[in-house]
Amino acid sequence: MAPQSVHRPTRPDKRTARREIGGHAAWYLAAGVVTTGLQAVLFLVFRPEIGAQWANLVALAITTAGNTEFHRRVTFASRSSRAGKRHLQDLVTFAFYAGYGSVVLAALDAVVAHPSAGQQTAALLAASFVGGVVRFAVLRWWVFARARRDGEPQDHQR
C-alpha cells in the first residue's frame, strides 16, 4: 500500500503576494471611487428633502450591499469567504459608516453654524476615505482571508 500524500497549503512567494495585494487594492480603489461617487450624488439628491443625517443613511443603505457584492465577485474573487461572514461584514460596514458619518456630520454642525451641502459632502467623502482604508484591511485579512486549503472550492463556485 502506497503512503498517502498529505496536502499542505502553499504560501505564495513575496512577489506573488505583492502582485495579489496590488490587484486587490486597484479593484478596491476603483469600486470605492464609483461607490463613493454614487453615495455622494444620492446624499445630495436626498439631503434637501430629508436632511443630511437621513440622506447619509439612505445613500449608505443603497450602496453598501452592492459594493460588498462587487468585492466578492471581482476584487477578492480568487479568495473564498463564507456567506454568513459576508453578511456580517455588510451589517458591520453599514453600522460603521452610518455611525461614523453621523458623528462627522454632527461634528461639522458643531464647528460650522450652517454647513453647506458642499461642506457636508466633503466631510463625508473624507470620512469615507479613512473608513475605506480600514475596510480594505478587514476585507482582505478577515472576510476574504486566504483559504486554509488551496484545493477547496471558492464560495462563488459552489
Protein backbone atom coordinates (compact mmCIF):
# COMPACT_ATOMS: atom_id res chain seq x y z
CA MET A 1 0.00 0.00 0.00
CA ALA A 2 1.43 3.35 -1.05
CA PRO A 3 1.73 6.07 1.56
CA GLN A 4 -0.89 8.80 1.30
CA SER A 5 0.39 12.22 0.47
CA VAL A 6 -0.58 15.00 2.77
CA HIS A 7 -1.78 18.15 1.03
CA ARG A 8 -0.19 21.15 2.66
CA PRO A 9 -1.34 24.63 1.76
CA THR A 10 1.21 26.55 -0.19
CA ARG A 11 2.00 30.10 0.68
CA PRO A 12 2.56 32.45 -2.22
CA ASP A 13 6.04 33.84 -2.65
CA LYS A 14 6.58 37.51 -1.86
CA ARG A 15 6.36 38.62 -5.50
CA THR A 16 3.02 36.81 -5.99
CA ALA A 17 1.71 38.20 -2.70
CA ARG A 18 2.66 41.77 -3.70
CA ARG A 19 1.03 41.33 -7.11
CA GLU A 20 -2.12 39.96 -5.45
CA ILE A 21 -2.40 42.78 -2.94
CA GLY A 22 -1.75 45.29 -5.74
CA GLY A 23 -4.60 43.81 -7.78
CA HIS A 24 -6.88 43.77 -4.75
CA ALA A 25 -6.02 47.39 -3.94
CA ALA A 26 -6.60 48.54 -7.54
CA TRP A 27 -10.04 46.92 -7.78
CA TYR A 28 -10.93 48.08 -4.28
CA LEU A 29 -9.97 51.65 -5.15
CA ALA A 30 -11.93 51.58 -8.42
CA ALA A 31 -15.04 50.24 -6.69
CA GLY A 32 -14.58 52.73 -3.86
CA VAL A 33 -14.40 55.69 -6.22
CA VAL A 34 -17.56 54.61 -8.06
CA THR A 35 -19.48 53.73 -4.89
CA THR A 36 -18.40 56.85 -3.01
CA GLY A 37 -19.32 58.99 -6.01
CA LEU A 38 -22.75 57.37 -6.20
CA GLN A 39 -23.14 57.77 -2.45
CA ALA A 40 -22.28 61.49 -2.69
CA VAL A 41 -24.78 62.02 -5.52
CA LEU A 42 -27.52 60.19 -3.60
CA PHE A 43 -26.69 62.22 -0.49
CA LEU A 44 -27.03 65.47 -2.44
CA VAL A 45 -30.31 64.31 -4.03
CA PHE A 46 -31.94 63.23 -0.75
CA ARG A 47 -30.49 65.95 1.51
CA PRO A 48 -32.96 68.76 0.63
CA GLU A 49 -35.96 66.51 1.30
CA ILE A 50 -34.94 64.50 4.38
CA GLY A 51 -31.94 66.31 5.87
CA ALA A 52 -28.26 65.44 5.99
CA GLN A 53 -28.33 62.64 8.58
CA TRP A 54 -31.13 60.68 6.90
CA ALA A 55 -29.75 61.33 3.42
CA ASN A 56 -26.44 59.85 4.53
CA LEU A 57 -28.16 56.74 5.91
CA VAL A 58 -30.26 56.22 2.78
CA ALA A 59 -27.26 56.68 0.49
CA LEU A 60 -25.27 54.18 2.57
CA ALA A 61 -28.07 51.63 2.59
CA ILE A 62 -28.33 51.76 -1.19
CA THR A 63 -24.60 51.49 -1.87
CA THR A 64 -23.17 49.17 0.85
CA ALA A 65 -24.59 45.82 -0.27
CA GLY A 66 -23.72 46.41 -3.93
CA ASN A 67 -20.20 47.45 -3.01
CA THR A 68 -19.62 44.34 -0.91
CA GLU A 69 -21.04 42.08 -3.64
CA PHE A 70 -18.68 43.69 -6.17
CA HIS A 71 -15.75 42.95 -3.88
CA ARG A 72 -16.89 39.34 -3.52
CA ARG A 73 -17.24 38.80 -7.26
CA VAL A 74 -14.36 40.92 -8.58
CA THR A 75 -11.88 42.33 -6.09
CA PHE A 76 -11.43 39.20 -3.98
CA ALA A 77 -12.77 36.61 -6.47
CA SER A 78 -9.64 34.50 -6.05
CA ARG A 79 -10.38 34.05 -2.35
CA SER A 80 -13.23 32.29 -0.67
CA SER A 81 -15.48 33.54 2.09
CA ARG A 82 -18.46 32.19 3.92
CA ALA A 83 -21.83 33.76 3.15
CA GLY A 84 -22.51 34.40 6.83
CA LYS A 85 -19.22 36.22 7.21
CA ARG A 86 -20.02 38.39 4.17
CA HIS A 87 -23.48 39.26 5.51
CA LEU A 88 -22.00 40.10 8.89
CA GLN A 89 -19.44 42.27 7.10
CA ASP A 90 -22.27 44.05 5.24
CA LEU A 91 -24.03 44.76 8.53
CA VAL A 92 -20.87 45.89 10.32
CA THR A 93 -19.86 48.06 7.35
CA PHE A 94 -23.24 49.76 7.24
CA ALA A 95 -23.27 50.29 11.02
CA PHE A 96 -19.71 51.62 11.00
CA TYR A 97 -20.25 54.08 8.15
CA ALA A 98 -23.69 55.12 9.45
CA GLY A 99 -22.32 55.86 12.91
CA TYR A 100 -19.10 57.35 11.61
CA GLY A 101 -20.89 59.54 9.07
CA SER A 102 -23.41 60.71 11.67
CA VAL A 103 -20.59 61.70 14.03
CA VAL A 104 -18.76 63.51 11.21
CA LEU A 105 -21.91 65.45 10.26
CA ALA A 106 -22.60 66.29 13.93
CA ALA A 107 -19.01 67.45 14.42
CA LEU A 108 -19.28 69.64 11.32
CA ASP A 109 -22.53 71.11 12.70
CA ALA A 110 -20.68 71.88 15.95
CA VAL A 111 -17.93 73.87 14.25
CA VAL A 112 -19.86 75.42 11.34
CA ALA A 113 -23.15 77.20 12.10
CA HIS A 114 -24.91 76.27 8.86
CA PRO A 115 -22.75 73.89 6.82
CA SER A 116 -23.40 73.89 3.11
CA ALA A 117 -24.17 70.79 1.10
CA GLY A 118 -20.65 71.01 -0.31
CA GLN A 119 -19.08 71.13 3.15
CA GLN A 120 -21.15 68.18 4.33
CA THR A 121 -20.35 66.18 1.22
CA ALA A 122 -16.63 66.95 1.53
CA ALA A 123 -16.66 65.87 5.19
CA LEU A 124 -18.42 62.62 4.30
CA LEU A 125 -16.01 61.97 1.41
CA ALA A 126 -13.00 62.47 3.71
CA ALA A 127 -14.56 60.17 6.30
CA SER A 128 -15.28 57.61 3.59
CA PHE A 129 -11.64 57.63 2.50
CA VAL A 130 -10.38 56.98 6.05
CA GLY A 131 -13.03 54.33 6.64
CA GLY A 132 -12.22 52.75 3.29
CA VAL A 133 -8.62 52.11 4.29
CA VAL A 134 -9.81 50.30 7.41
CA ARG A 135 -12.42 48.37 5.43
CA PHE A 136 -9.85 47.19 2.87
CA ALA A 137 -7.79 45.67 5.68
CA VAL A 138 -10.88 43.99 7.17
CA LEU A 139 -11.97 42.59 3.80
CA ARG A 140 -8.54 41.34 2.80
CA TRP A 141 -7.41 39.84 6.08
CA TRP A 142 -10.71 38.70 7.64
CA VAL A 143 -13.68 38.40 5.28
CA PHE A 144 -11.66 37.16 2.29
CA ALA A 145 -8.74 35.69 4.19
CA ARG A 146 -6.63 33.19 2.27
CA ALA A 147 -8.27 29.77 2.26
CA ARG A 148 -6.65 27.24 4.55
CA ARG A 149 -6.52 24.69 1.73
CA ASP A 150 -5.70 25.64 -1.83
CA GLY A 151 -7.84 22.85 -3.33
CA GLU A 152 -11.05 23.95 -1.58
CA PRO A 153 -13.69 25.32 -3.97
CA GLN A 154 -14.40 29.04 -3.79
CA ASP A 155 -17.76 30.20 -2.42
CA HIS A 156 -18.79 31.61 -5.78
CA GLN A 157 -18.01 28.22 -7.37
CA ARG A 158 -20.37 26.25 -5.10
